């Protein structure tokens, strides 16, 4: 796991540090080191990365693509993404900023679904 992926997954795991501390694997209650999370992260880098990696494996990112293909596994795909427009399929009110210019259909389909 590279640094960018680690940070992305850590932020996803902690919901940008807004989840209840007692539910966070890095928290003092859960890290088996009796350290507040900031100290745990500073002192036990390898252990923290392993915790985040394992969490990410156990909690795969739910994307528009994964949700759609779970329901319609035989849907037509191009370059690995459905040929239908994600905006039309999921009934979004407007296309994401940059549609057709700076983002691709793949970028759009691979966005994380917010519960």
C-alpha atoms as a PDB file:
ATOM      1  CA  UNK A   1       0.000   0.000   0.000  1.00  0.00           C
ATOM      2  CA  UNK A   2       1.540   3.290  -1.055  1.00  0.00           C
ATOM      3  CA  UNK A   3       1.283   6.446   1.038  1.00  0.00           C
ATOM      4  CA  UNK A   4      -1.593   7.973  -0.920  1.00  0.00           C
ATOM      5  CA  UNK A   5      -3.626   4.767  -0.752  1.00  0.00           C
ATOM      6  CA  UNK A   6      -2.872   4.438   2.971  1.00  0.00           C
ATOM      7  CA  UNK A   7      -4.133   7.973   3.645  1.00  0.00           C
ATOM      8  CA  UNK A   8      -7.215   7.441   1.506  1.00  0.00           C
ATOM      9  CA  UNK A   9      -8.113   4.182   3.264  1.00  0.00           C
ATOM     10  CA  UNK A  10      -7.317   5.554   6.732  1.00  0.00           C
ATOM     11  CA  UNK A  11      -9.623   8.516   6.081  1.00  0.00           C
ATOM     12  CA  UNK A  12     -12.310   6.153   4.822  1.00  0.00           C
ATOM     13  CA  UNK A  13     -11.839   3.864   7.833  1.00  0.00           C
ATOM     14  CA  UNK A  14     -12.148   6.737  10.302  1.00  0.00           C
ATOM     15  CA  UNK A  15     -14.603   8.758   8.211  1.00  0.00           C
ATOM     16  CA  UNK A  16     -12.043  11.570   8.383  1.00  0.00           C
ATOM     17  CA  UNK A  17     -11.755  11.036  12.125  1.00  0.00           C
ATOM     18  CA  UNK A  18     -15.434  11.612  12.808  1.00  0.00           C
ATOM     19  CA  UNK A  19     -16.439   8.102  13.948  1.00  0.00           C
ATOM     20  CA  UNK A  20     -16.794   7.265  17.625  1.00  0.00           C
ATOM     21  CA  UNK A  21     -13.302   6.603  18.959  1.00  0.00           C
ATOM     22  CA  UNK A  22     -14.278   3.344  20.622  1.00  0.00           C
ATOM     23  CA  UNK A  23     -15.163   1.928  17.186  1.00  0.00           C
ATOM     24  CA  UNK A  24     -11.868   2.927  15.559  1.00  0.00           C
ATOM     25  CA  UNK A  25      -9.189   0.219  15.280  1.00  0.00           C
ATOM     26  CA  UNK A  26      -6.506   2.828  15.990  1.00  0.00           C
ATOM     27  CA  UNK A  27      -8.082   4.152  19.192  1.00  0.00           C
ATOM     28  CA  UNK A  28      -6.588   3.642  22.635  1.00  0.00           C
ATOM     29  CA  UNK A  29      -9.380   1.172  23.417  1.00  0.00           C
ATOM     30  CA  UNK A  30      -8.471  -1.018  20.444  1.00  0.00           C
ATOM     31  CA  UNK A  31      -4.768  -0.657  19.605  1.00  0.00           C
ATOM     32  CA  UNK A  32      -3.387  -2.901  22.382  1.00  0.00           C
ATOM     33  CA  UNK A  33      -0.687  -0.324  23.155  1.00  0.00           C
ATOM     34  CA  UNK A  34      -2.634   1.907  25.529  1.00  0.00           C
ATOM     35  CA  UNK A  35      -1.748   4.927  23.385  1.00  0.00           C
ATOM     36  CA  UNK A  36      -4.015   7.618  22.035  1.00  0.00           C
ATOM     37  CA  UNK A  37      -4.332   7.148  18.296  1.00  0.00           C
ATOM     38  CA  UNK A  38      -2.044  10.031  17.289  1.00  0.00           C
ATOM     39  CA  UNK A  39       0.796   8.609  19.396  1.00  0.00           C
ATOM     40  CA  UNK A  40       0.069   5.075  18.208  1.00  0.00           C
ATOM     41  CA  UNK A  41       0.260   6.200  14.573  1.00  0.00           C
ATOM     42  CA  UNK A  42       3.563   8.025  15.168  1.00  0.00           C
ATOM     43  CA  UNK A  43       5.266   5.204  17.082  1.00  0.00           C
ATOM     44  CA  UNK A  44       4.025   2.052  15.348  1.00  0.00           C
ATOM     45  CA  UNK A  45       3.946   2.894  11.633  1.00  0.00           C
ATOM     46  CA  UNK A  46       4.170  -0.660  10.302  1.00  0.00           C
ATOM     47  CA  UNK A  47       1.479  -1.903  12.665  1.00  0.00           C
ATOM     48  CA  UNK A  48      -0.822   0.984  11.755  1.00  0.00           C
ATOM     49  CA  UNK A  49      -0.371   0.395   8.015  1.00  0.00           C
ATOM     50  CA  UNK A  50      -1.169  -3.284   8.538  1.00  0.00           C
ATOM     51  CA  UNK A  51      -4.330  -2.391  10.483  1.00  0.00           C
ATOM     52  CA  UNK A  52      -5.472  -0.036   7.729  1.00  0.00           C
ATOM     53  CA  UNK A  53      -4.635  -2.564   4.982  1.00  0.00           C
ATOM     54  CA  UNK A  54      -6.585  -5.314   6.741  1.00  0.00           C
ATOM     55  CA  UNK A  55      -9.536  -3.005   7.345  1.00  0.00           C
ATOM     56  CA  UNK A  56      -9.574  -1.996   3.672  1.00  0.00           C
ATOM     57  CA  UNK A  57      -9.566  -5.658   2.596  1.00  0.00           C
ATOM     58  CA  UNK A  58     -12.456  -6.429   4.927  1.00  0.00           C
ATOM     59  CA  UNK A  59     -14.398  -3.311   3.853  1.00  0.00           C
ATOM     60  CA  UNK A  60     -14.064  -2.915   0.089  1.00  0.00           C
ATOM     61  CA  UNK A  61     -15.083   0.432  -1.278  1.00  0.00           C
ATOM     62  CA  UNK A  62     -18.665   0.445  -2.519  1.00  0.00           C
ATOM     63  CA  UNK A  63     -18.695   2.214  -5.881  1.00  0.00           C
ATOM     64  CA  UNK A  64     -21.473   2.986  -8.301  1.00  0.00           C
ATOM     65  CA  UNK A  65     -19.914   0.339 -10.559  1.00  0.00           C
ATOM     66  CA  UNK A  66     -19.843  -2.380  -7.869  1.00  0.00           C
ATOM     67  CA  UNK A  67     -23.433  -1.660  -6.789  1.00  0.00           C
ATOM     68  CA  UNK A  68     -24.698  -1.699 -10.379  1.00  0.00           C
ATOM     69  CA  UNK A  69     -22.790  -4.815 -11.442  1.00  0.00           C
ATOM     70  CA  UNK A  70     -23.889  -6.658  -8.316  1.00  0.00           C
ATOM     71  CA  UNK A  71     -27.470  -6.253  -9.508  1.00  0.00           C
ATOM     72  CA  UNK A  72     -26.770  -6.503 -13.255  1.00  0.00           C
ATOM     73  CA  UNK A  73     -23.632  -8.642 -13.704  1.00  0.00           C
ATOM     74  CA  UNK A  74     -24.281  -9.233 -17.415  1.00  0.00           C
ATOM     75  CA  UNK A  75     -24.722  -5.553 -18.299  1.00  0.00           C
ATOM     76  CA  UNK A  76     -22.843  -4.349 -21.352  1.00  0.00           C
ATOM     77  CA  UNK A  77     -19.437  -2.918 -20.433  1.00  0.00           C
ATOM     78  CA  UNK A  78     -16.764  -0.974 -22.246  1.00  0.00           C
ATOM     79  CA  UNK A  79     -13.262  -0.776 -20.770  1.00  0.00           C
ATOM     80  CA  UNK A  80     -14.625  -2.493 -17.659  1.00  0.00           C
ATOM     81  CA  UNK A  81     -17.391  -0.003 -16.882  1.00  0.00           C
ATOM     82  CA  UNK A  82     -21.079  -0.124 -17.814  1.00  0.00           C
ATOM     83  CA  UNK A  83     -21.892   1.597 -21.097  1.00  0.00           C
ATOM     84  CA  UNK A  84     -24.923   3.294 -19.537  1.00  0.00           C
ATOM     85  CA  UNK A  85     -24.412   6.696 -17.953  1.00  0.00           C
ATOM     86  CA  UNK A  86     -24.178   6.496 -14.167  1.00  0.00           C
ATOM     87  CA  UNK A  87     -26.183   9.729 -13.900  1.00  0.00           C
ATOM     88  CA  UNK A  88     -29.099   8.211 -15.813  1.00  0.00           C
ATOM     89  CA  UNK A  89     -28.933   4.873 -13.995  1.00  0.00           C
ATOM     90  CA  UNK A  90     -28.812   6.289 -10.473  1.00  0.00           C
ATOM     91  CA  UNK A  91     -31.099   9.238 -11.178  1.00  0.00           C
ATOM     92  CA  UNK A  92     -28.701  11.968 -10.209  1.00  0.00           C
ATOM     93  CA  UNK A  93     -30.047  15.453 -10.800  1.00  0.00           C
ATOM     94  CA  UNK A  94     -27.082  16.634 -12.852  1.00  0.00           C
ATOM     95  CA  UNK A  95     -23.870  15.335 -14.339  1.00  0.00           C
ATOM     96  CA  UNK A  96     -20.745  15.670 -12.194  1.00  0.00           C
ATOM     97  CA  UNK A  97     -18.597  18.718 -12.830  1.00  0.00           C
ATOM     98  CA  UNK A  98     -16.090  17.904 -15.554  1.00  0.00           C
ATOM     99  CA  UNK A  99     -18.292  15.327 -17.280  1.00  0.00           C
ATOM    100  CA  UNK A 100     -17.013  14.815 -20.837  1.00  0.00           C
ATOM    101  CA  UNK A 101     -14.047  17.121 -20.156  1.00  0.00           C
ATOM    102  CA  UNK A 102     -11.800  16.436 -17.189  1.00  0.00           C
ATOM    103  CA  UNK A 103     -13.327  13.203 -15.850  1.00  0.00           C
ATOM    104  CA  UNK A 104     -14.028   9.975 -17.693  1.00  0.00           C
ATOM    105  CA  UNK A 105     -16.987   7.622 -17.454  1.00  0.00           C
ATOM    106  CA  UNK A 106     -14.671   5.277 -15.566  1.00  0.00           C
ATOM    107  CA  UNK A 107     -13.922   8.030 -13.020  1.00  0.00           C
ATOM    108  CA  UNK A 108     -17.639   8.592 -12.591  1.00  0.00           C
ATOM    109  CA  UNK A 109     -18.545   4.893 -12.211  1.00  0.00           C
ATOM    110  CA  UNK A 110     -15.680   4.366  -9.737  1.00  0.00           C
ATOM    111  CA  UNK A 111     -16.844   7.115  -7.373  1.00  0.00           C
ATOM    112  CA  UNK A 112     -17.689   5.859  -3.906  1.00  0.00           C
ATOM    113  CA  UNK A 113     -21.398   5.541  -3.203  1.00  0.00           C
ATOM    114  CA  UNK A 114     -22.345   7.507  -0.152  1.00  0.00           C
ATOM    115  CA  UNK A 115     -24.744   5.542   2.006  1.00  0.00           C
END
